[in-house]
Amino acid sequence: MTNAIVAEGLVKKYGTVKALDGLSLAVPEGTVLGLLGPNGAGKTTTVRVLTTLLRPDAGRAVVAGYDVVRDAKRLRSHIGASGQYAAVDDHLTGAENLEMVGRLYHLGTRRSKQRARELLERFDLTEAADRPVRGYSGGMRRRIDLAGALVADPPVLFLDEPTTGLDPRARASLWDIIGELVQGGTTVLLTTQYLEEADRLADRIAVVDHGRVIAQGTADELKDQVGGDRVELTLTSAADLETVRRGLAALATGEPQIDRTALRITIPVANGAASLTTALGYLAAERVAVRDAGLRRPTLDDVFLALTGHEADENTTTTKEKVA
């Protein structure tokens, strides 16, 4: 299968900060690569380099068959991009915003108007087409921004945290649209901090930290790397937490995590269902009172904590994030 995006050893420095430190990745045509990582990991810098907005200090990248440095001008007509914040003019209507993008792509006035109407219908924005964008909801602004990225019908699309800040319904709606684009043959590089988003959309996931890809695979493969299933027990007495930790140590494939405030102990295990049964049998035999017990898969924070040594937190701002 031909790769639509290839990056090899990308380096980008801002003074003493290395936003990218030898990053490499490949995205086959017609697939979605989910780029996961904490703030400041280099996700946005990667997108900016691949969309020709930044010139790498070292390494090379080819997108849709064009070198991002040598063929930057020609490449721009073959890609679309939607950033973390909707790049729309609040004073223009939805239709006018899309028509303006069409003219910037040199589609001509007639074709720009036609393409705008096609996209407004596709994104369920026809009724709002002639209203100024400043009156749009957050979900509508995201849809009009994504529509703008598709005006030139690009074969490769870059989405940089496109659903950040959206409510669950608006997020699910945008997921459906992205899924339809991929079914139509579009290649997508998606940066996100939401594992459920990558689960839903990505064929493969690359975890980035400190400007490097530190793990790759499907969502399930990454979850398995951090211990697979977890037995999660919520007790009624803090005094029992250490007793349970010691008593169930033989089941653990990694270090159990204790939340003393919530009276909860989480134990990584290899065989989920059998381990949960064993754990419940032990608790019953020791007469340990349990408020809740269950089996769960790793969360995004579990993956990040295991792979990067710290949790993902979309509200955390680091020095590197300001430049990356």
C-alpha atoms as a PDB file:
ATOM      1  CA  MET A   1       0.000   0.000   0.000  1.00  0.00           C
ATOM      2  CA  THR A   2       1.303   3.453  -0.942  1.00  0.00           C
ATOM      3  CA  ASN A   3       1.935   5.904   1.865  1.00  0.00           C
ATOM      4  CA  ALA A   4       0.228   9.271   1.560  1.00  0.00           C
ATOM      5  CA  ILE A   5       2.352  10.758   4.370  1.00  0.00           C
ATOM      6  CA  VAL A   6       5.935   9.880   5.228  1.00  0.00           C
ATOM      7  CA  ALA A   7       8.099  11.677   7.789  1.00  0.00           C
ATOM      8  CA  GLU A   8      11.680  10.669   8.487  1.00  0.00           C
ATOM      9  CA  GLY A   9      13.749  12.057  11.343  1.00  0.00           C
ATOM     10  CA  LEU A  10      12.012  15.422  11.613  1.00  0.00           C
ATOM     11  CA  VAL A  11      13.715  17.950  13.888  1.00  0.00           C
ATOM     12  CA  LYS A  12      12.393  21.382  14.823  1.00  0.00           C
ATOM     13  CA  LYS A  13      14.012  23.627  17.428  1.00  0.00           C
ATOM     14  CA  TYR A  14      12.853  26.818  19.112  1.00  0.00           C
ATOM     15  CA  GLY A  15      15.958  28.130  20.816  1.00  0.00           C
ATOM     16  CA  THR A  16      16.944  25.455  23.321  1.00  0.00           C
ATOM     17  CA  VAL A  17      13.597  23.641  23.053  1.00  0.00           C
ATOM     18  CA  LYS A  18      13.324  20.688  20.670  1.00  0.00           C
ATOM     19  CA  ALA A  19       9.695  20.542  19.598  1.00  0.00           C
ATOM     20  CA  LEU A  20      10.535  17.651  17.257  1.00  0.00           C
ATOM     21  CA  ASP A  21      13.454  15.359  17.984  1.00  0.00           C
ATOM     22  CA  GLY A  22      13.783  12.881  15.138  1.00  0.00           C
ATOM     23  CA  LEU A  23      10.075  12.151  14.629  1.00  0.00           C
ATOM     24  CA  SER A  24       9.234   9.519  11.994  1.00  0.00           C
ATOM     25  CA  LEU A  25       5.882   8.140  10.870  1.00  0.00           C
ATOM     26  CA  ALA A  26       4.008   6.812   7.832  1.00  0.00           C
ATOM     27  CA  VAL A  27       0.320   6.928   6.898  1.00  0.00           C
ATOM     28  CA  PRO A  28      -0.997   4.641   4.115  1.00  0.00           C
ATOM     29  CA  GLU A  29      -3.443   6.123   1.608  1.00  0.00           C
ATOM     30  CA  GLY A  30      -7.083   6.002   2.639  1.00  0.00           C
ATOM     31  CA  THR A  31      -6.379   5.421   6.334  1.00  0.00           C
ATOM     32  CA  VAL A  32      -6.419   7.446   9.554  1.00  0.00           C
ATOM     33  CA  LEU A  33      -3.402   7.847  11.793  1.00  0.00           C
ATOM     34  CA  GLY A  34      -4.226   9.115  15.265  1.00  0.00           C
ATOM     35  CA  LEU A  35      -1.404  11.158  16.772  1.00  0.00           C
ATOM     36  CA  LEU A  36      -1.703  11.019  20.564  1.00  0.00           C
ATOM     37  CA  GLY A  37       0.376  12.808  23.131  1.00  0.00           C
ATOM     38  CA  PRO A  38       0.297  15.232  26.061  1.00  0.00           C
ATOM     39  CA  ASN A  39       0.415  18.977  25.561  1.00  0.00           C
ATOM     40  CA  GLY A  40       3.814  20.062  24.295  1.00  0.00           C
ATOM     41  CA  ALA A  41       4.624  16.618  22.886  1.00  0.00           C
ATOM     42  CA  GLY A  42       5.069  17.961  19.346  1.00  0.00           C
ATOM     43  CA  LYS A  43       1.742  17.052  17.743  1.00  0.00           C
ATOM     44  CA  THR A  44       0.875  20.522  16.468  1.00  0.00           C
ATOM     45  CA  THR A  45       4.439  21.170  15.328  1.00  0.00           C
ATOM     46  CA  THR A  46       4.277  17.929  13.327  1.00  0.00           C
ATOM     47  CA  VAL A  47       1.104  19.097  11.605  1.00  0.00           C
ATOM     48  CA  ARG A  48       2.607  22.519  10.878  1.00  0.00           C
ATOM     49  CA  VAL A  49       5.672  20.948   9.269  1.00  0.00           C
ATOM     50  CA  LEU A  50       3.618  18.499   7.202  1.00  0.00           C
ATOM     51  CA  THR A  51       1.308  21.288   6.002  1.00  0.00           C
ATOM     52  CA  THR A  52       4.299  23.501   4.989  1.00  0.00           C
ATOM     53  CA  LEU A  53       3.615  26.121   7.683  1.00  0.00           C
ATOM     54  CA  LEU A  54       6.979  25.382   9.343  1.00  0.00           C
ATOM     55  CA  ARG A  55      10.275  24.391   7.789  1.00  0.00           C
ATOM     56  CA  PRO A  56      11.999  21.506   9.608  1.00  0.00           C
ATOM     57  CA  ASP A  57      15.562  22.005  10.801  1.00  0.00           C
ATOM     58  CA  ALA A  58      16.439  18.438   9.811  1.00  0.00           C
ATOM     59  CA  GLY A  59      14.812  15.341   8.358  1.00  0.00           C
ATOM     60  CA  ARG A  60      12.414  15.108   5.445  1.00  0.00           C
ATOM     61  CA  ALA A  61       8.730  14.608   4.808  1.00  0.00           C
ATOM     62  CA  VAL A  62       6.665  13.754   1.744  1.00  0.00           C
ATOM     63  CA  VAL A  63       2.903  14.322   1.582  1.00  0.00           C
ATOM     64  CA  ALA A  64       0.745  13.258  -1.390  1.00  0.00           C
ATOM     65  CA  GLY A  65       3.961  12.675  -3.312  1.00  0.00           C
ATOM     66  CA  TYR A  66       5.386  16.169  -2.679  1.00  0.00           C
ATOM     67  CA  ASP A  67       8.357  17.126  -0.525  1.00  0.00           C
ATOM     68  CA  VAL A  68       7.103  19.544   2.151  1.00  0.00           C
ATOM     69  CA  VAL A  69      10.071  21.870   1.651  1.00  0.00           C
ATOM     70  CA  ARG A  70      11.082  21.562  -1.993  1.00  0.00           C
ATOM     71  CA  ASP A  71       7.514  21.231  -3.363  1.00  0.00           C
ATOM     72  CA  ALA A  72       5.677  23.284  -0.730  1.00  0.00           C
ATOM     73  CA  LYS A  73       3.776  25.509  -3.174  1.00  0.00           C
ATOM     74  CA  ARG A  74       2.472  22.589  -5.246  1.00  0.00           C
ATOM     75  CA  LEU A  75       1.649  20.526  -2.150  1.00  0.00           C
ATOM     76  CA  ARG A  76      -0.705  23.139  -0.671  1.00  0.00           C
ATOM     77  CA  SER A  77      -3.366  22.501  -3.310  1.00  0.00           C
ATOM     78  CA  HIS A  78      -3.400  18.793  -2.381  1.00  0.00           C
ATOM     79  CA  ILE A  79      -3.997  19.086   1.363  1.00  0.00           C
ATOM     80  CA  GLY A  80      -6.623  20.422   3.725  1.00  0.00           C
ATOM     81  CA  ALA A  81      -6.203  21.387   7.358  1.00  0.00           C
ATOM     82  CA  SER A  82      -8.445  22.157  10.315  1.00  0.00           C
ATOM     83  CA  GLY A  83      -6.780  23.421  13.486  1.00  0.00           C
ATOM     84  CA  GLN A  84      -7.651  23.511  17.159  1.00  0.00           C
ATOM     85  CA  TYR A  85      -9.583  26.739  16.687  1.00  0.00           C
ATOM     86  CA  ALA A  86     -12.023  27.359  13.848  1.00  0.00           C
ATOM     87  CA  ALA A  87     -10.319  29.546  11.234  1.00  0.00           C
ATOM     88  CA  VAL A  88     -13.411  31.412  10.059  1.00  0.00           C
ATOM     89  CA  ASP A  89     -14.359  35.064   9.623  1.00  0.00           C
ATOM     90  CA  ASP A  90     -17.097  35.851  12.145  1.00  0.00           C
ATOM     91  CA  HIS A  91     -18.393  38.757  10.069  1.00  0.00           C
ATOM     92  CA  LEU A  92     -19.010  36.659   6.954  1.00  0.00           C
ATOM     93  CA  THR A  93     -21.810  34.164   6.489  1.00  0.00           C
ATOM     94  CA  GLY A  94     -21.113  30.449   6.289  1.00  0.00           C
ATOM     95  CA  ALA A  95     -21.504  30.536   2.509  1.00  0.00           C
ATOM     96  CA  GLU A  96     -19.239  33.567   2.164  1.00  0.00           C
ATOM     97  CA  ASN A  97     -16.527  31.898   4.235  1.00  0.00           C
ATOM     98  CA  LEU A  98     -16.470  28.856   1.973  1.00  0.00           C
ATOM     99  CA  GLU A  99     -16.654  30.947  -1.198  1.00  0.00           C
ATOM    100  CA  MET A 100     -13.654  32.961  -0.008  1.00  0.00           C
ATOM    101  CA  VAL A 101     -11.654  29.748   0.512  1.00  0.00           C
ATOM    102  CA  GLY A 102     -12.598  28.628  -2.984  1.00  0.00           C
ATOM    103  CA  ARG A 103     -11.304  31.861  -4.480  1.00  0.00           C
ATOM    104  CA  LEU A 104      -8.055  31.502  -2.524  1.00  0.00           C
ATOM    105  CA  TYR A 105      -7.684  28.095  -4.194  1.00  0.00           C
ATOM    106  CA  HIS A 106      -8.292  29.821  -7.566  1.00  0.00           C
ATOM    107  CA  LEU A 107     -11.467  27.860  -8.243  1.00  0.00           C
ATOM    108  CA  GLY A 108     -13.163  30.882  -9.765  1.00  0.00           C
ATOM    109  CA  THR A 109     -16.321  32.652  -8.575  1.00  0.00           C
ATOM    110  CA  ARG A 110     -18.840  30.250 -10.104  1.00  0.00           C
ATOM    111  CA  ARG A 111     -17.122  27.053  -8.956  1.00  0.00           C
ATOM    112  CA  SER A 112     -16.465  28.546  -5.496  1.00  0.00           C
ATOM    113  CA  LYS A 113     -20.187  29.258  -5.015  1.00  0.00           C
ATOM    114  CA  GLN A 114     -21.119  25.796  -6.266  1.00  0.00           C
ATOM    115  CA  ARG A 115     -18.595  24.080  -4.006  1.00  0.00           C
ATOM    116  CA  ALA A 116     -19.743  26.148  -1.013  1.00  0.00           C
ATOM    117  CA  ARG A 117     -23.357  25.050  -1.481  1.00  0.00           C
ATOM    118  CA  GLU A 118     -22.302  21.399  -1.884  1.00  0.00           C
ATOM    119  CA  LEU A 119     -20.373  21.476   1.386  1.00  0.00           C
ATOM    120  CA  LEU A 120     -23.041  23.385   3.289  1.00  0.00           C
ATOM    121  CA  GLU A 121     -25.510  20.657   2.371  1.00  0.00           C
ATOM    122  CA  ARG A 122     -23.043  17.876   3.208  1.00  0.00           C
ATOM    123  CA  PHE A 123     -22.360  19.365   6.648  1.00  0.00           C
ATOM    124  CA  ASP A 124     -26.030  20.072   7.380  1.00  0.00           C
ATOM    125  CA  LEU A 125     -25.511  23.830   7.400  1.00  0.00           C
ATOM    126  CA  THR A 126     -27.834  24.833   4.571  1.00  0.00           C
ATOM    127  CA  GLU A 127     -30.290  26.622   6.859  1.00  0.00           C
ATOM    128  CA  ALA A 128     -27.442  28.603   8.422  1.00  0.00           C
ATOM    129  CA  ALA A 129     -25.688  29.324   5.129  1.00  0.00           C
ATOM    130  CA  ASP A 130     -26.658  33.002   4.990  1.00  0.00           C
ATOM    131  CA  ARG A 131     -26.190  33.775   8.679  1.00  0.00           C
ATOM    132  CA  PRO A 132     -23.008  35.403  10.010  1.00  0.00           C
ATOM    133  CA  VAL A 133     -20.708  32.799  11.569  1.00  0.00           C
ATOM    134  CA  ARG A 134     -20.490  34.806  14.813  1.00  0.00           C
ATOM    135  CA  GLY A 135     -23.944  33.420  15.644  1.00  0.00           C
ATOM    136  CA  TYR A 136     -22.954  29.774  15.083  1.00  0.00           C
ATOM    137  CA  SER A 137     -22.666  27.284  17.942  1.00  0.00           C
ATOM    138  CA  GLY A 138     -19.325  25.642  18.703  1.00  0.00           C
ATOM    139  CA  GLY A 139     -20.276  22.514  16.786  1.00  0.00           C
ATOM    140  CA  MET A 140     -21.430  24.520  13.770  1.00  0.00           C
ATOM    141  CA  ARG A 141     -18.188  26.519  13.752  1.00  0.00           C
ATOM    142  CA  ARG A 142     -16.206  23.281  13.751  1.00  0.00           C
ATOM    143  CA  ARG A 143     -18.253  21.953  10.838  1.00  0.00           C
ATOM    144  CA  ILE A 144     -17.823  25.106   8.758  1.00  0.00           C
ATOM    145  CA  ASP A 145     -14.080  25.056   9.475  1.00  0.00           C
ATOM    146  CA  LEU A 146     -13.813  21.420   8.374  1.00  0.00           C
ATOM    147  CA  ALA A 147     -15.885  22.233   5.290  1.00  0.00           C
ATOM    148  CA  GLY A 148     -13.374  24.955   4.471  1.00  0.00           C
ATOM    149  CA  ALA A 149     -10.572  22.405   4.602  1.00  0.00           C
ATOM    150  CA  LEU A 150     -12.431  20.340   1.986  1.00  0.00           C
ATOM    151  CA  VAL A 151     -13.232  23.069  -0.547  1.00  0.00           C
ATOM    152  CA  ALA A 152     -10.451  21.912  -2.888  1.00  0.00           C
ATOM    153  CA  ASP A 153     -11.371  18.228  -2.324  1.00  0.00           C
ATOM    154  CA  PRO A 154      -7.872  17.352  -1.033  1.00  0.00           C
ATOM    155  CA  PRO A 155      -6.680  13.732  -0.910  1.00  0.00           C
ATOM    156  CA  VAL A 156      -4.907  14.342   2.418  1.00  0.00           C
ATOM    157  CA  LEU A 157      -6.498  16.011   5.436  1.00  0.00           C
ATOM    158  CA  PHE A 158      -4.845  17.184   8.667  1.00  0.00           C
ATOM    159  CA  LEU A 159      -7.060  17.585  11.720  1.00  0.00           C
ATOM    160  CA  ASP A 160      -5.398  19.101  14.779  1.00  0.00           C
ATOM    161  CA  GLU A 161      -7.566  18.310  17.821  1.00  0.00           C
ATOM    162  CA  PRO A 162     -10.745  19.072  15.845  1.00  0.00           C
ATOM    163  CA  THR A 163     -13.240  18.187  18.597  1.00  0.00           C
ATOM    164  CA  THR A 164     -11.602  19.859  21.601  1.00  0.00           C
ATOM    165  CA  GLY A 165     -14.260  21.728  23.581  1.00  0.00           C
ATOM    166  CA  LEU A 166     -17.236  20.204  21.786  1.00  0.00           C
ATOM    167  CA  ASP A 167     -20.131  18.583  23.634  1.00  0.00           C
ATOM    168  CA  PRO A 168     -20.608  14.810  23.137  1.00  0.00           C
ATOM    169  CA  ARG A 169     -23.330  15.210  20.485  1.00  0.00           C
ATOM    170  CA  ALA A 170     -21.315  17.663  18.379  1.00  0.00           C
ATOM    171  CA  ARG A 171     -18.228  15.471  18.737  1.00  0.00           C
ATOM    172  CA  ALA A 172     -20.101  12.360  17.571  1.00  0.00           C
ATOM    173  CA  SER A 173     -21.489  14.297  14.593  1.00  0.00           C
ATOM    174  CA  LEU A 174     -17.993  15.361  13.553  1.00  0.00           C
ATOM    175  CA  TRP A 175     -16.752  11.788  13.960  1.00  0.00           C
ATOM    176  CA  ASP A 176     -19.424  10.626  11.505  1.00  0.00           C
ATOM    177  CA  ILE A 177     -18.326  13.215   8.953  1.00  0.00           C
ATOM    178  CA  ILE A 178     -14.664  12.244   9.265  1.00  0.00           C
ATOM    179  CA  GLY A 179     -15.582   8.578   8.907  1.00  0.00           C
ATOM    180  CA  GLU A 180     -17.456   9.316   5.682  1.00  0.00           C
ATOM    181  CA  LEU A 181     -14.454  11.181   4.274  1.00  0.00           C
ATOM    182  CA  VAL A 182     -12.153   8.230   4.936  1.00  0.00           C
ATOM    183  CA  GLN A 183     -14.624   5.815   3.347  1.00  0.00           C
ATOM    184  CA  GLY A 184     -14.401   8.022   0.277  1.00  0.00           C
ATOM    185  CA  GLY A 185     -10.619   7.546   0.119  1.00  0.00           C
ATOM    186  CA  THR A 186      -9.315  10.569   2.038  1.00  0.00           C
ATOM    187  CA  THR A 187      -6.163  10.059   4.106  1.00  0.00           C
ATOM    188  CA  VAL A 188      -6.339  11.677   7.546  1.00  0.00           C
ATOM    189  CA  LEU A 189      -3.745  12.556  10.146  1.00  0.00           C
ATOM    190  CA  LEU A 190      -5.644  13.302  13.345  1.00  0.00           C
ATOM    191  CA  THR A 191      -4.098  14.734  16.495  1.00  0.00           C
ATOM    192  CA  THR A 192      -6.148  14.194  19.617  1.00  0.00           C
ATOM    193  CA  GLN A 193      -5.994  13.812  23.387  1.00  0.00           C
ATOM    194  CA  TYR A 194      -9.124  11.645  23.438  1.00  0.00           C
ATOM    195  CA  LEU A 195      -8.443   7.916  23.295  1.00  0.00           C
ATOM    196  CA  GLU A 196     -12.115   7.252  22.493  1.00  0.00           C
ATOM    197  CA  GLU A 197     -11.726   9.476  19.431  1.00  0.00           C
ATOM    198  CA  ALA A 198      -8.719   7.485  18.264  1.00  0.00           C
ATOM    199  CA  ASP A 199     -10.594   4.260  19.068  1.00  0.00           C
ATOM    200  CA  ARG A 200     -13.464   5.360  16.853  1.00  0.00           C
ATOM    201  CA  LEU A 201     -11.557   6.853  13.925  1.00  0.00           C
ATOM    202  CA  ALA A 202      -7.933   5.712  13.722  1.00  0.00           C
ATOM    203  CA  ASP A 203      -6.670   2.634  11.910  1.00  0.00           C
ATOM    204  CA  ARG A 204      -3.392   3.040  13.769  1.00  0.00           C
ATOM    205  CA  ILE A 205      -2.147   5.274  16.572  1.00  0.00           C
ATOM    206  CA  ALA A 206       1.248   6.863  17.188  1.00  0.00           C
ATOM    207  CA  VAL A 207       2.008   8.116  20.700  1.00  0.00           C
ATOM    208  CA  VAL A 208       4.292  11.155  20.701  1.00  0.00           C
ATOM    209  CA  ASP A 209       6.276  12.542  23.634  1.00  0.00           C
ATOM    210  CA  HIS A 210       9.188  14.989  23.682  1.00  0.00           C
ATOM    211  CA  GLY A 211       9.089  15.238  19.904  1.00  0.00           C
ATOM    212  CA  ARG A 212       9.450  11.512  19.199  1.00  0.00           C
ATOM    213  CA  VAL A 213       7.114   8.628  18.408  1.00  0.00           C
ATOM    214  CA  ILE A 214       7.460   6.370  21.452  1.00  0.00           C
ATOM    215  CA  ALA A 215       4.819   3.742  20.617  1.00  0.00           C
ATOM    216  CA  GLN A 216       2.688   2.719  17.631  1.00  0.00           C
ATOM    217  CA  GLY A 217      -0.135   0.287  17.037  1.00  0.00           C
ATOM    218  CA  THR A 218      -3.885  -0.093  17.127  1.00  0.00           C
ATOM    219  CA  ALA A 219      -5.807   1.177  20.141  1.00  0.00           C
ATOM    220  CA  ASP A 220      -6.066  -2.373  21.524  1.00  0.00           C
ATOM    221  CA  GLU A 221      -2.356  -3.015  21.006  1.00  0.00           C
ATOM    222  CA  LEU A 222      -1.461   0.132  22.942  1.00  0.00           C
ATOM    223  CA  LYS A 223      -3.820  -0.781  25.752  1.00  0.00           C
ATOM    224  CA  ASP A 224      -2.252  -4.231  25.945  1.00  0.00           C
ATOM    225  CA  GLN A 225       1.199  -2.622  26.227  1.00  0.00           C
ATOM    226  CA  VAL A 226       0.165  -0.960  29.480  1.00  0.00           C
ATOM    227  CA  GLY A 227      -1.191  -4.093  31.087  1.00  0.00           C
ATOM    228  CA  GLY A 228      -4.456  -5.002  29.415  1.00  0.00           C
ATOM    229  CA  ASP A 229      -7.363  -5.332  31.842  1.00  0.00           C
ATOM    230  CA  ARG A 230      -7.663  -3.755  35.276  1.00  0.00           C
ATOM    231  CA  VAL A 231      -9.529  -5.100  38.286  1.00  0.00           C
ATOM    232  CA  GLU A 232     -10.954  -2.051  40.038  1.00  0.00           C
ATOM    233  CA  LEU A 233     -12.226  -2.371  43.613  1.00  0.00           C
ATOM    234  CA  THR A 234     -13.843   0.353  45.707  1.00  0.00           C
ATOM    235  CA  LEU A 235     -13.835  -0.505  49.404  1.00  0.00           C
ATOM    236  CA  THR A 236     -15.737   0.889  52.368  1.00  0.00           C
ATOM    237  CA  SER A 237     -12.736   1.231  54.709  1.00  0.00           C
ATOM    238  CA  ALA A 238      -9.325   2.817  54.060  1.00  0.00           C
ATOM    239  CA  ALA A 239      -7.837   0.351  56.541  1.00  0.00           C
ATOM    240  CA  ASP A 240      -8.450  -2.495  54.071  1.00  0.00           C
ATOM    241  CA  LEU A 241      -6.595  -0.948  51.107  1.00  0.00           C
ATOM    242  CA  GLU A 242      -3.115  -2.194  52.025  1.00  0.00           C
ATOM    243  CA  THR A 243      -4.486  -5.571  53.097  1.00  0.00           C
ATOM    244  CA  VAL A 244      -6.156  -6.048  49.730  1.00  0.00           C
ATOM    245  CA  ARG A 245      -3.065  -4.830  47.854  1.00  0.00           C
ATOM    246  CA  ARG A 246      -0.901  -7.432  49.580  1.00  0.00           C
ATOM    247  CA  GLY A 247      -3.506 -10.168  49.311  1.00  0.00           C
ATOM    248  CA  LEU A 248      -3.976  -9.724  45.579  1.00  0.00           C
ATOM    249  CA  ALA A 249      -0.324  -9.034  44.716  1.00  0.00           C
ATOM    250  CA  ALA A 250      -0.028 -12.398  42.961  1.00  0.00           C
ATOM    251  CA  LEU A 251      -2.654 -11.334  40.414  1.00  0.00           C
ATOM    252  CA  ALA A 252      -0.931  -8.078  39.482  1.00  0.00           C
ATOM    253  CA  THR A 253       1.117  -7.725  36.294  1.00  0.00           C
ATOM    254  CA  GLY A 254       2.219  -4.247  37.359  1.00  0.00           C
ATOM    255  CA  GLU A 255       2.124  -1.911  40.318  1.00  0.00           C
ATOM    256  CA  PRO A 256      -1.402  -1.587  41.821  1.00  0.00           C
ATOM    257  CA  GLN A 257      -2.647   2.013  42.067  1.00  0.00           C
ATOM    258  CA  ILE A 258      -4.348   3.137  45.282  1.00  0.00           C
ATOM    259  CA  ASP A 259      -6.647   6.157  45.481  1.00  0.00           C
ATOM    260  CA  ARG A 260      -7.086   6.708  49.207  1.00  0.00           C
ATOM    261  CA  THR A 261      -9.601   9.498  48.768  1.00  0.00           C
ATOM    262  CA  ALA A 262     -11.927   7.340  46.686  1.00  0.00           C
ATOM    263  CA  LEU A 263     -11.021   4.170  48.672  1.00  0.00           C
ATOM    264  CA  ARG A 264     -10.215   2.543  45.352  1.00  0.00           C
ATOM    265  CA  ILE A 265      -7.497   0.109  44.325  1.00  0.00           C
ATOM    266  CA  THR A 266      -6.775  -0.624  40.658  1.00  0.00           C
ATOM    267  CA  ILE A 267      -4.796  -3.748  39.792  1.00  0.00           C
ATOM    268  CA  PRO A 268      -3.397  -4.469  36.295  1.00  0.00           C
ATOM    269  CA  VAL A 269      -4.037  -8.120  35.430  1.00  0.00           C
ATOM    270  CA  ALA A 270      -3.342 -10.509  32.553  1.00  0.00           C
ATOM    271  CA  ASN A 271      -6.582 -12.507  32.541  1.00  0.00           C
ATOM    272  CA  GLY A 272      -9.393 -10.111  33.306  1.00  0.00           C
ATOM    273  CA  ALA A 273     -12.460 -12.267  33.962  1.00  0.00           C
ATOM    274  CA  ALA A 274     -10.592 -14.984  35.872  1.00  0.00           C
ATOM    275  CA  SER A 275      -8.677 -12.400  37.919  1.00  0.00           C
ATOM    276  CA  LEU A 276     -11.876 -10.575  38.874  1.00  0.00           C
ATOM    277  CA  THR A 277     -13.404 -13.871  40.024  1.00  0.00           C
ATOM    278  CA  THR A 278     -10.305 -14.636  42.116  1.00  0.00           C
ATOM    279  CA  ALA A 279     -10.309 -11.156  43.612  1.00  0.00           C
ATOM    280  CA  LEU A 280     -13.976 -11.366  44.613  1.00  0.00           C
ATOM    281  CA  GLY A 281     -13.374 -14.783  46.166  1.00  0.00           C
ATOM    282  CA  TYR A 282     -10.495 -13.391  48.238  1.00  0.00           C
ATOM    283  CA  LEU A 283     -12.568 -10.415  49.423  1.00  0.00           C
ATOM    284  CA  ALA A 284     -15.412 -12.679  50.438  1.00  0.00           C
ATOM    285  CA  ALA A 285     -13.071 -15.051  52.302  1.00  0.00           C
ATOM    286  CA  GLU A 286     -11.411 -12.157  54.145  1.00  0.00           C
ATOM    287  CA  ARG A 287     -14.765 -10.462  54.779  1.00  0.00           C
ATOM    288  CA  VAL A 288     -13.612  -7.219  53.209  1.00  0.00           C
ATOM    289  CA  ALA A 289     -16.582  -4.937  52.543  1.00  0.00           C
ATOM    290  CA  VAL A 290     -16.746  -3.754  48.922  1.00  0.00           C
ATOM    291  CA  ARG A 291     -18.787  -0.869  47.590  1.00  0.00           C
ATOM    292  CA  ASP A 292     -18.084  -1.586  43.931  1.00  0.00           C
ATOM    293  CA  ALA A 293     -16.052  -4.037  41.841  1.00  0.00           C
ATOM    294  CA  GLY A 294     -15.463  -4.261  38.124  1.00  0.00           C
ATOM    295  CA  LEU A 295     -13.206  -4.969  35.189  1.00  0.00           C
ATOM    296  CA  ARG A 296     -12.114  -2.226  32.832  1.00  0.00           C
ATOM    297  CA  ARG A 297      -9.718  -1.525  29.994  1.00  0.00           C
ATOM    298  CA  PRO A 298      -6.954   1.068  30.352  1.00  0.00           C
ATOM    299  CA  THR A 299      -7.954   4.704  29.935  1.00  0.00           C
ATOM    300  CA  LEU A 300      -6.077   7.413  28.045  1.00  0.00           C
ATOM    301  CA  ASP A 301      -4.408   8.449  31.305  1.00  0.00           C
ATOM    302  CA  ASP A 302      -3.314   4.836  31.916  1.00  0.00           C
ATOM    303  CA  VAL A 303      -1.667   4.730  28.486  1.00  0.00           C
ATOM    304  CA  PHE A 304       0.022   8.095  28.933  1.00  0.00           C
ATOM    305  CA  LEU A 305       1.124   7.340  32.483  1.00  0.00           C
ATOM    306  CA  ALA A 306       2.742   4.068  31.430  1.00  0.00           C
ATOM    307  CA  LEU A 307       4.308   5.328  28.198  1.00  0.00           C
ATOM    308  CA  THR A 308       5.282   8.883  29.115  1.00  0.00           C
ATOM    309  CA  GLY A 309       5.521   8.812  32.906  1.00  0.00           C
ATOM    310  CA  HIS A 310       2.814  11.436  33.383  1.00  0.00           C
ATOM    311  CA  GLU A 311      -0.909  11.804  32.814  1.00  0.00           C
ATOM    312  CA  ALA A 312      -2.561  13.551  29.889  1.00  0.00           C
ATOM    313  CA  ASP A 313      -4.139  16.826  30.938  1.00  0.00           C
ATOM    314  CA  GLU A 314      -5.617  19.084  28.295  1.00  0.00           C
ATOM    315  CA  ASN A 315      -5.595  21.968  30.764  1.00  0.00           C
ATOM    316  CA  THR A 316      -1.845  21.763  31.418  1.00  0.00           C
ATOM    317  CA  THR A 317       0.258  24.312  29.578  1.00  0.00           C
ATOM    318  CA  THR A 318       3.962  23.729  29.267  1.00  0.00           C
ATOM    319  CA  THR A 319       6.725  25.875  27.856  1.00  0.00           C
ATOM    320  CA  LYS A 320       7.007  23.574  24.897  1.00  0.00           C
ATOM    321  CA  GLU A 321       3.252  23.723  24.212  1.00  0.00           C
ATOM    322  CA  LYS A 322       3.521  27.460  23.649  1.00  0.00           C
ATOM    323  CA  VAL A 323       5.766  26.764  20.667  1.00  0.00           C
ATOM    324  CA  ALA A 324       4.619  23.255  19.737  1.00  0.00           C
END
